[in-house]
């Protein structure tokens, strides 16, 4: 219940820290963790589609704790394939459907639905239980939040979370690089604006330009500074081309 509390002390400082300590310390049995995972998956759908209110807190922080539960599974598997698939499908549905884009709220503290949904996809992308097809689905879910319809500007580091999930999926080394290059072009292009020059005629255009530029800047820096990443050298020219196009 604390994961959905409007009190950031209960939700973030206590519930998150306690769950993380238990999960990383191996303090919960497999049976208890399975039960926890089932409850957290159900929470992802609570109030989904609402753009404000308190139900986002439960969704967002359930996604965050699920990311820790999957981290544990990656280290010592306890989820059966159908159970893992249930988490994956819930995560793939959650991030595109989340409409509350608040990063920080003066009353509630961190809300961070996009960041925490990306955390969950990052852990899932790191799992040996995901293959190329699942990783493609993860990248498509991430693409839904790189740039948003409307006038929302990311200002709480969300592109960094999206980028991290992408990098871990890429570094698995099982994705077809031709498909990944096409994904970068599709996900960071000017459509539906027609051209980046048209971005300056509307607030929504400027928001798209801003969000995509932040994502590409972080991605370019990560690939440049980590040449040992699988596929980094092949992908870097495509990211550079996209970044140059958006840096008008």
C-alpha atoms as a PDB file:
ATOM      1  CA  UNK A   1       0.000   0.000   0.000  1.00  0.00           C
ATOM      2  CA  UNK A   2       2.907   2.356   0.668  1.00  0.00           C
ATOM      3  CA  UNK A   3       3.895   2.225  -3.019  1.00  0.00           C
ATOM      4  CA  UNK A   4       0.750   4.182  -3.840  1.00  0.00           C
ATOM      5  CA  UNK A   5       0.946   6.581  -0.900  1.00  0.00           C
ATOM      6  CA  UNK A   6       0.809  10.315  -1.695  1.00  0.00           C
ATOM      7  CA  UNK A   7       3.392  10.747   1.068  1.00  0.00           C
ATOM      8  CA  UNK A   8       6.819  10.623  -0.624  1.00  0.00           C
ATOM      9  CA  UNK A   9       8.438   9.589   2.653  1.00  0.00           C
ATOM     10  CA  UNK A  10       6.323   6.442   2.850  1.00  0.00           C
ATOM     11  CA  UNK A  11       6.447   5.699  -0.867  1.00  0.00           C
ATOM     12  CA  UNK A  12       9.970   6.580  -1.961  1.00  0.00           C
ATOM     13  CA  UNK A  13      12.161   6.793   1.111  1.00  0.00           C
ATOM     14  CA  UNK A  14      10.640   3.809   2.943  1.00  0.00           C
ATOM     15  CA  UNK A  15       8.732   1.407   0.660  1.00  0.00           C
ATOM     16  CA  UNK A  16      11.179   1.618  -2.237  1.00  0.00           C
ATOM     17  CA  UNK A  17      14.244   1.344  -0.025  1.00  0.00           C
ATOM     18  CA  UNK A  18      12.822  -1.540   2.015  1.00  0.00           C
ATOM     19  CA  UNK A  19      11.717  -3.552  -1.010  1.00  0.00           C
ATOM     20  CA  UNK A  20      15.062  -2.948  -2.724  1.00  0.00           C
ATOM     21  CA  UNK A  21      16.942  -4.069   0.386  1.00  0.00           C
ATOM     22  CA  UNK A  22      14.863  -7.243   0.636  1.00  0.00           C
ATOM     23  CA  UNK A  23      15.122  -8.103  -3.052  1.00  0.00           C
ATOM     24  CA  UNK A  24      18.823  -7.326  -3.470  1.00  0.00           C
ATOM     25  CA  UNK A  25      19.645  -9.044  -0.209  1.00  0.00           C
ATOM     26  CA  UNK A  26      17.807 -12.236  -1.162  1.00  0.00           C
ATOM     27  CA  UNK A  27      15.610 -11.958   1.926  1.00  0.00           C
ATOM     28  CA  UNK A  28      12.380 -13.119   0.258  1.00  0.00           C
ATOM     29  CA  UNK A  29      11.590 -16.675  -0.735  1.00  0.00           C
ATOM     30  CA  UNK A  30      10.750 -17.529  -4.337  1.00  0.00           C
ATOM     31  CA  UNK A  31       7.146 -18.139  -3.304  1.00  0.00           C
ATOM     32  CA  UNK A  32       6.851 -14.696  -1.721  1.00  0.00           C
ATOM     33  CA  UNK A  33       8.539 -13.026  -4.700  1.00  0.00           C
ATOM     34  CA  UNK A  34       6.146 -14.707  -7.120  1.00  0.00           C
ATOM     35  CA  UNK A  35       3.199 -13.409  -5.090  1.00  0.00           C
ATOM     36  CA  UNK A  36       4.736  -9.940  -4.983  1.00  0.00           C
ATOM     37  CA  UNK A  37       5.261  -9.951  -8.749  1.00  0.00           C
ATOM     38  CA  UNK A  38       1.627 -10.902  -9.376  1.00  0.00           C
ATOM     39  CA  UNK A  39       0.404  -8.013  -7.215  1.00  0.00           C
ATOM     40  CA  UNK A  40       2.759  -5.520  -8.840  1.00  0.00           C
ATOM     41  CA  UNK A  41       1.689  -6.572 -12.343  1.00  0.00           C
ATOM     42  CA  UNK A  42      -1.948  -5.977 -11.400  1.00  0.00           C
ATOM     43  CA  UNK A  43      -1.014  -2.534 -10.058  1.00  0.00           C
ATOM     44  CA  UNK A  44       0.309  -1.452 -13.466  1.00  0.00           C
ATOM     45  CA  UNK A  45      -3.251  -1.285 -14.750  1.00  0.00           C
ATOM     46  CA  UNK A  46      -4.705   0.704 -11.848  1.00  0.00           C
ATOM     47  CA  UNK A  47      -6.144   3.924 -13.277  1.00  0.00           C
ATOM     48  CA  UNK A  48      -4.122   3.573 -16.469  1.00  0.00           C
ATOM     49  CA  UNK A  49      -4.930   6.287 -18.993  1.00  0.00           C
ATOM     50  CA  UNK A  50      -5.399   9.004 -16.370  1.00  0.00           C
ATOM     51  CA  UNK A  51      -3.160  12.019 -16.933  1.00  0.00           C
ATOM     52  CA  UNK A  52      -3.156  13.169 -13.312  1.00  0.00           C
ATOM     53  CA  UNK A  53      -4.204  12.117  -9.832  1.00  0.00           C
ATOM     54  CA  UNK A  54      -2.696   9.739  -7.301  1.00  0.00           C
ATOM     55  CA  UNK A  55      -3.204   6.380  -9.028  1.00  0.00           C
ATOM     56  CA  UNK A  56      -0.057   7.062 -11.078  1.00  0.00           C
ATOM     57  CA  UNK A  57       2.032   6.716  -7.931  1.00  0.00           C
ATOM     58  CA  UNK A  58       1.005   3.095  -7.472  1.00  0.00           C
ATOM     59  CA  UNK A  59       1.578   2.288 -11.150  1.00  0.00           C
ATOM     60  CA  UNK A  60       4.936   4.020 -11.329  1.00  0.00           C
ATOM     61  CA  UNK A  61       6.419   2.649  -8.131  1.00  0.00           C
ATOM     62  CA  UNK A  62       5.066  -0.822  -8.829  1.00  0.00           C
ATOM     63  CA  UNK A  63       6.982  -0.685 -12.113  1.00  0.00           C
ATOM     64  CA  UNK A  64      10.088   0.373 -10.192  1.00  0.00           C
ATOM     65  CA  UNK A  65       9.837  -2.515  -7.719  1.00  0.00           C
ATOM     66  CA  UNK A  66       9.074  -4.906 -10.573  1.00  0.00           C
ATOM     67  CA  UNK A  67      12.366  -3.810 -12.112  1.00  0.00           C
ATOM     68  CA  UNK A  68      14.084  -4.939  -8.914  1.00  0.00           C
ATOM     69  CA  UNK A  69      12.163  -8.216  -8.968  1.00  0.00           C
ATOM     70  CA  UNK A  70      13.325  -8.861 -12.539  1.00  0.00           C
ATOM     71  CA  UNK A  71      16.877  -7.895 -11.578  1.00  0.00           C
ATOM     72  CA  UNK A  72      16.695 -10.659  -8.974  1.00  0.00           C
ATOM     73  CA  UNK A  73      15.334 -13.108 -11.542  1.00  0.00           C
ATOM     74  CA  UNK A  74      18.191 -12.226 -13.886  1.00  0.00           C
ATOM     75  CA  UNK A  75      20.659 -13.199 -11.167  1.00  0.00           C
ATOM     76  CA  UNK A  76      18.877 -16.297  -9.865  1.00  0.00           C
ATOM     77  CA  UNK A  77      15.871 -17.364 -11.898  1.00  0.00           C
ATOM     78  CA  UNK A  78      12.680 -17.944  -9.940  1.00  0.00           C
ATOM     79  CA  UNK A  79      10.034 -17.015 -12.518  1.00  0.00           C
ATOM     80  CA  UNK A  80       8.748 -19.712 -14.834  1.00  0.00           C
ATOM     81  CA  UNK A  81       8.521 -18.758 -18.541  1.00  0.00           C
ATOM     82  CA  UNK A  82       4.741 -18.014 -18.385  1.00  0.00           C
ATOM     83  CA  UNK A  83       5.267 -15.848 -15.283  1.00  0.00           C
ATOM     84  CA  UNK A  84       8.113 -13.946 -16.912  1.00  0.00           C
ATOM     85  CA  UNK A  85       6.014 -13.480 -20.072  1.00  0.00           C
ATOM     86  CA  UNK A  86       3.221 -12.006 -17.957  1.00  0.00           C
ATOM     87  CA  UNK A  87       5.582  -9.364 -16.582  1.00  0.00           C
ATOM     88  CA  UNK A  88       6.986  -8.621 -20.028  1.00  0.00           C
ATOM     89  CA  UNK A  89       3.549  -8.215 -21.591  1.00  0.00           C
ATOM     90  CA  UNK A  90       2.389  -5.992 -18.730  1.00  0.00           C
ATOM     91  CA  UNK A  91       5.489  -3.794 -19.072  1.00  0.00           C
ATOM     92  CA  UNK A  92       5.069  -3.524 -22.844  1.00  0.00           C
ATOM     93  CA  UNK A  93       1.473  -2.423 -22.326  1.00  0.00           C
ATOM     94  CA  UNK A  94       2.201  -0.089 -19.431  1.00  0.00           C
ATOM     95  CA  UNK A  95       4.756   2.354 -20.840  1.00  0.00           C
ATOM     96  CA  UNK A  96       2.885   3.272 -24.054  1.00  0.00           C
ATOM     97  CA  UNK A  97      -0.394   3.579 -22.117  1.00  0.00           C
ATOM     98  CA  UNK A  98       0.930   5.794 -19.308  1.00  0.00           C
ATOM     99  CA  UNK A  99      -0.494   9.296 -19.796  1.00  0.00           C
ATOM    100  CA  UNK A 100       0.743  10.916 -16.600  1.00  0.00           C
ATOM    101  CA  UNK A 101       4.023  12.504 -17.649  1.00  0.00           C
ATOM    102  CA  UNK A 102       4.908  14.292 -14.430  1.00  0.00           C
ATOM    103  CA  UNK A 103       8.493  13.826 -13.364  1.00  0.00           C
ATOM    104  CA  UNK A 104       8.369  15.637 -10.050  1.00  0.00           C
ATOM    105  CA  UNK A 105       5.412  17.115  -8.199  1.00  0.00           C
ATOM    106  CA  UNK A 106       5.719  19.633  -5.375  1.00  0.00           C
ATOM    107  CA  UNK A 107       3.203  17.676  -3.296  1.00  0.00           C
ATOM    108  CA  UNK A 108       3.924  14.041  -4.198  1.00  0.00           C
ATOM    109  CA  UNK A 109       7.634  14.170  -4.911  1.00  0.00           C
ATOM    110  CA  UNK A 110       8.837  11.981  -7.764  1.00  0.00           C
ATOM    111  CA  UNK A 111       6.099  10.538  -9.947  1.00  0.00           C
ATOM    112  CA  UNK A 112       8.291   9.407 -12.870  1.00  0.00           C
ATOM    113  CA  UNK A 113       6.011   6.973 -14.690  1.00  0.00           C
ATOM    114  CA  UNK A 114       8.099   7.190 -17.867  1.00  0.00           C
ATOM    115  CA  UNK A 115      11.386   6.723 -16.009  1.00  0.00           C
ATOM    116  CA  UNK A 116      10.183   3.813 -13.902  1.00  0.00           C
ATOM    117  CA  UNK A 117       8.491   2.123 -16.858  1.00  0.00           C
ATOM    118  CA  UNK A 118      11.826   2.419 -18.668  1.00  0.00           C
ATOM    119  CA  UNK A 119      13.607   0.922 -15.650  1.00  0.00           C
ATOM    120  CA  UNK A 120      11.387  -2.126 -15.914  1.00  0.00           C
ATOM    121  CA  UNK A 121      12.040  -2.504 -19.649  1.00  0.00           C
ATOM    122  CA  UNK A 122      15.779  -2.110 -19.001  1.00  0.00           C
ATOM    123  CA  UNK A 123      15.767  -5.072 -16.619  1.00  0.00           C
ATOM    124  CA  UNK A 124      13.627  -7.125 -18.984  1.00  0.00           C
ATOM    125  CA  UNK A 125      15.958  -6.321 -21.879  1.00  0.00           C
ATOM    126  CA  UNK A 126      18.867  -7.569 -19.758  1.00  0.00           C
ATOM    127  CA  UNK A 127      17.234 -10.944 -19.155  1.00  0.00           C
ATOM    128  CA  UNK A 128      18.449 -14.056 -20.969  1.00  0.00           C
ATOM    129  CA  UNK A 129      14.777 -14.983 -21.192  1.00  0.00           C
ATOM    130  CA  UNK A 130      14.164 -12.308 -23.844  1.00  0.00           C
ATOM    131  CA  UNK A 131      15.113 -13.023 -27.433  1.00  0.00           C
ATOM    132  CA  UNK A 132      15.306 -10.829 -30.513  1.00  0.00           C
ATOM    133  CA  UNK A 133      11.527 -10.687 -31.005  1.00  0.00           C
ATOM    134  CA  UNK A 134      10.931  -9.599 -27.400  1.00  0.00           C
ATOM    135  CA  UNK A 135      13.696  -7.010 -27.623  1.00  0.00           C
ATOM    136  CA  UNK A 136      12.097  -5.529 -30.730  1.00  0.00           C
ATOM    137  CA  UNK A 137       8.831  -5.196 -28.794  1.00  0.00           C
ATOM    138  CA  UNK A 138      10.735  -3.476 -25.981  1.00  0.00           C
ATOM    139  CA  UNK A 139      12.266  -0.965 -28.394  1.00  0.00           C
ATOM    140  CA  UNK A 140       8.863  -0.220 -29.907  1.00  0.00           C
ATOM    141  CA  UNK A 141       7.484   0.453 -26.419  1.00  0.00           C
ATOM    142  CA  UNK A 142      10.385   2.812 -25.739  1.00  0.00           C
ATOM    143  CA  UNK A 143       9.753   4.596 -29.045  1.00  0.00           C
ATOM    144  CA  UNK A 144       6.249   5.484 -27.864  1.00  0.00           C
ATOM    145  CA  UNK A 145       7.761   7.768 -25.247  1.00  0.00           C
ATOM    146  CA  UNK A 146      10.842   9.245 -26.983  1.00  0.00           C
ATOM    147  CA  UNK A 147       8.697  12.047 -28.367  1.00  0.00           C
ATOM    148  CA  UNK A 148       5.113  12.608 -27.328  1.00  0.00           C
ATOM    149  CA  UNK A 149       2.129  14.085 -29.099  1.00  0.00           C
ATOM    150  CA  UNK A 150       1.182  17.416 -27.587  1.00  0.00           C
ATOM    151  CA  UNK A 151       3.216  20.039 -25.805  1.00  0.00           C
ATOM    152  CA  UNK A 152       5.057  18.114 -23.101  1.00  0.00           C
ATOM    153  CA  UNK A 153       8.766  18.863 -22.660  1.00  0.00           C
ATOM    154  CA  UNK A 154      10.952  16.387 -20.782  1.00  0.00           C
ATOM    155  CA  UNK A 155      12.843  18.186 -18.017  1.00  0.00           C
ATOM    156  CA  UNK A 156      13.509  15.433 -15.458  1.00  0.00           C
ATOM    157  CA  UNK A 157      16.020  13.293 -17.346  1.00  0.00           C
ATOM    158  CA  UNK A 158      13.497  10.907 -18.881  1.00  0.00           C
ATOM    159  CA  UNK A 159      15.456  10.504 -22.167  1.00  0.00           C
ATOM    160  CA  UNK A 160      18.362   9.106 -20.150  1.00  0.00           C
ATOM    161  CA  UNK A 161      16.153   6.336 -18.772  1.00  0.00           C
ATOM    162  CA  UNK A 162      14.807   5.550 -22.251  1.00  0.00           C
ATOM    163  CA  UNK A 163      18.339   5.507 -23.629  1.00  0.00           C
ATOM    164  CA  UNK A 164      19.579   3.110 -20.944  1.00  0.00           C
ATOM    165  CA  UNK A 165      16.883   0.562 -21.745  1.00  0.00           C
ATOM    166  CA  UNK A 166      17.752   0.851 -25.431  1.00  0.00           C
ATOM    167  CA  UNK A 167      21.485   0.404 -24.779  1.00  0.00           C
ATOM    168  CA  UNK A 168      20.952  -2.758 -22.727  1.00  0.00           C
ATOM    169  CA  UNK A 169      18.736  -4.211 -25.441  1.00  0.00           C
ATOM    170  CA  UNK A 170      21.363  -3.382 -28.072  1.00  0.00           C
ATOM    171  CA  UNK A 171      24.222  -4.817 -26.022  1.00  0.00           C
ATOM    172  CA  UNK A 172      22.545  -8.213 -25.885  1.00  0.00           C
ATOM    173  CA  UNK A 173      23.947  -8.655 -29.381  1.00  0.00           C
ATOM    174  CA  UNK A 174      20.926 -10.540 -30.730  1.00  0.00           C
ATOM    175  CA  UNK A 175      19.090  -7.734 -32.530  1.00  0.00           C
ATOM    176  CA  UNK A 176      19.476  -7.352 -36.269  1.00  0.00           C
ATOM    177  CA  UNK A 177      21.437  -4.122 -36.680  1.00  0.00           C
ATOM    178  CA  UNK A 178      19.639  -3.262 -39.893  1.00  0.00           C
ATOM    179  CA  UNK A 179      16.366  -3.328 -37.982  1.00  0.00           C
ATOM    180  CA  UNK A 180      17.882  -1.231 -35.159  1.00  0.00           C
ATOM    181  CA  UNK A 181      19.148   1.402 -37.601  1.00  0.00           C
ATOM    182  CA  UNK A 182      15.703   1.625 -39.145  1.00  0.00           C
ATOM    183  CA  UNK A 183      14.204   1.924 -35.634  1.00  0.00           C
ATOM    184  CA  UNK A 184      16.471   4.894 -34.866  1.00  0.00           C
ATOM    185  CA  UNK A 185      15.462   6.659 -38.099  1.00  0.00           C
ATOM    186  CA  UNK A 186      11.756   5.981 -37.538  1.00  0.00           C
ATOM    187  CA  UNK A 187      11.756   6.913 -33.862  1.00  0.00           C
ATOM    188  CA  UNK A 188      13.741  10.127 -34.143  1.00  0.00           C
ATOM    189  CA  UNK A 189      12.460  11.603 -37.391  1.00  0.00           C
ATOM    190  CA  UNK A 190      10.362  14.759 -37.813  1.00  0.00           C
ATOM    191  CA  UNK A 191       7.091  13.043 -38.728  1.00  0.00           C
ATOM    192  CA  UNK A 192       4.309  14.109 -38.388  1.00  0.00           C
ATOM    193  CA  UNK A 193       5.843  17.576 -38.798  1.00  0.00           C
ATOM    194  CA  UNK A 194       7.058  16.855 -42.314  1.00  0.00           C
ATOM    195  CA  UNK A 195      10.434  18.474 -41.674  1.00  0.00           C
ATOM    196  CA  UNK A 196      12.377  19.750 -38.698  1.00  0.00           C
ATOM    197  CA  UNK A 197      12.091  23.258 -40.078  1.00  0.00           C
ATOM    198  CA  UNK A 198       8.368  23.095 -39.323  1.00  0.00           C
ATOM    199  CA  UNK A 199       9.065  22.387 -35.657  1.00  0.00           C
ATOM    200  CA  UNK A 200       9.499  26.082 -34.916  1.00  0.00           C
ATOM    201  CA  UNK A 201       5.941  27.017 -35.826  1.00  0.00           C
ATOM    202  CA  UNK A 202       4.204  25.336 -32.894  1.00  0.00           C
ATOM    203  CA  UNK A 203       4.678  24.423 -29.259  1.00  0.00           C
ATOM    204  CA  UNK A 204       4.076  20.755 -30.033  1.00  0.00           C
ATOM    205  CA  UNK A 205       6.708  20.872 -32.770  1.00  0.00           C
ATOM    206  CA  UNK A 206       9.234  22.411 -30.403  1.00  0.00           C
ATOM    207  CA  UNK A 207       8.409  19.777 -27.791  1.00  0.00           C
ATOM    208  CA  UNK A 208       9.077  16.983 -30.301  1.00  0.00           C
ATOM    209  CA  UNK A 209      12.340  18.595 -31.382  1.00  0.00           C
ATOM    210  CA  UNK A 210      13.437  19.040 -27.762  1.00  0.00           C
ATOM    211  CA  UNK A 211      12.610  15.473 -26.657  1.00  0.00           C
ATOM    212  CA  UNK A 212      14.205  13.749 -29.625  1.00  0.00           C
ATOM    213  CA  UNK A 213      17.311  15.911 -29.441  1.00  0.00           C
ATOM    214  CA  UNK A 214      17.819  15.029 -25.770  1.00  0.00           C
ATOM    215  CA  UNK A 215      17.441  11.321 -26.509  1.00  0.00           C
ATOM    216  CA  UNK A 216      19.897  11.458 -29.411  1.00  0.00           C
ATOM    217  CA  UNK A 217      22.443  13.505 -27.475  1.00  0.00           C
ATOM    218  CA  UNK A 218      22.477  10.999 -24.630  1.00  0.00           C
ATOM    219  CA  UNK A 219      22.571   8.058 -27.038  1.00  0.00           C
ATOM    220  CA  UNK A 220      25.421   9.579 -29.064  1.00  0.00           C
ATOM    221  CA  UNK A 221      27.444  10.229 -25.915  1.00  0.00           C
ATOM    222  CA  UNK A 222      26.861   6.710 -24.602  1.00  0.00           C
ATOM    223  CA  UNK A 223      27.880   5.032 -27.855  1.00  0.00           C
ATOM    224  CA  UNK A 224      30.909   7.302 -28.273  1.00  0.00           C
ATOM    225  CA  UNK A 225      32.183   6.768 -24.747  1.00  0.00           C
ATOM    226  CA  UNK A 226      31.568   3.016 -24.778  1.00  0.00           C
ATOM    227  CA  UNK A 227      32.912   1.706 -28.105  1.00  0.00           C
ATOM    228  CA  UNK A 228      32.974  -1.812 -26.681  1.00  0.00           C
ATOM    229  CA  UNK A 229      29.172  -1.986 -26.672  1.00  0.00           C
ATOM    230  CA  UNK A 230      27.890  -4.521 -29.166  1.00  0.00           C
ATOM    231  CA  UNK A 231      26.806  -2.743 -32.338  1.00  0.00           C
ATOM    232  CA  UNK A 232      28.102   0.650 -31.166  1.00  0.00           C
ATOM    233  CA  UNK A 233      30.443   1.300 -34.085  1.00  0.00           C
ATOM    234  CA  UNK A 234      27.827   0.299 -36.665  1.00  0.00           C
ATOM    235  CA  UNK A 235      25.054   2.351 -35.047  1.00  0.00           C
ATOM    236  CA  UNK A 236      27.005   5.511 -34.236  1.00  0.00           C
ATOM    237  CA  UNK A 237      26.939   6.965 -37.797  1.00  0.00           C
ATOM    238  CA  UNK A 238      23.147   6.587 -37.932  1.00  0.00           C
ATOM    239  CA  UNK A 239      22.731   8.324 -34.574  1.00  0.00           C
ATOM    240  CA  UNK A 240      25.125  11.076 -35.662  1.00  0.00           C
ATOM    241  CA  UNK A 241      23.138  11.634 -38.851  1.00  0.00           C
ATOM    242  CA  UNK A 242      19.882  11.870 -36.893  1.00  0.00           C
ATOM    243  CA  UNK A 243      21.463  14.242 -34.382  1.00  0.00           C
ATOM    244  CA  UNK A 244      22.792  16.503 -37.110  1.00  0.00           C
ATOM    245  CA  UNK A 245      19.341  16.624 -38.696  1.00  0.00           C
ATOM    246  CA  UNK A 246      17.705  17.719 -35.458  1.00  0.00           C
ATOM    247  CA  UNK A 247      20.450  20.204 -34.523  1.00  0.00           C
ATOM    248  CA  UNK A 248      19.259  22.984 -36.793  1.00  0.00           C
END
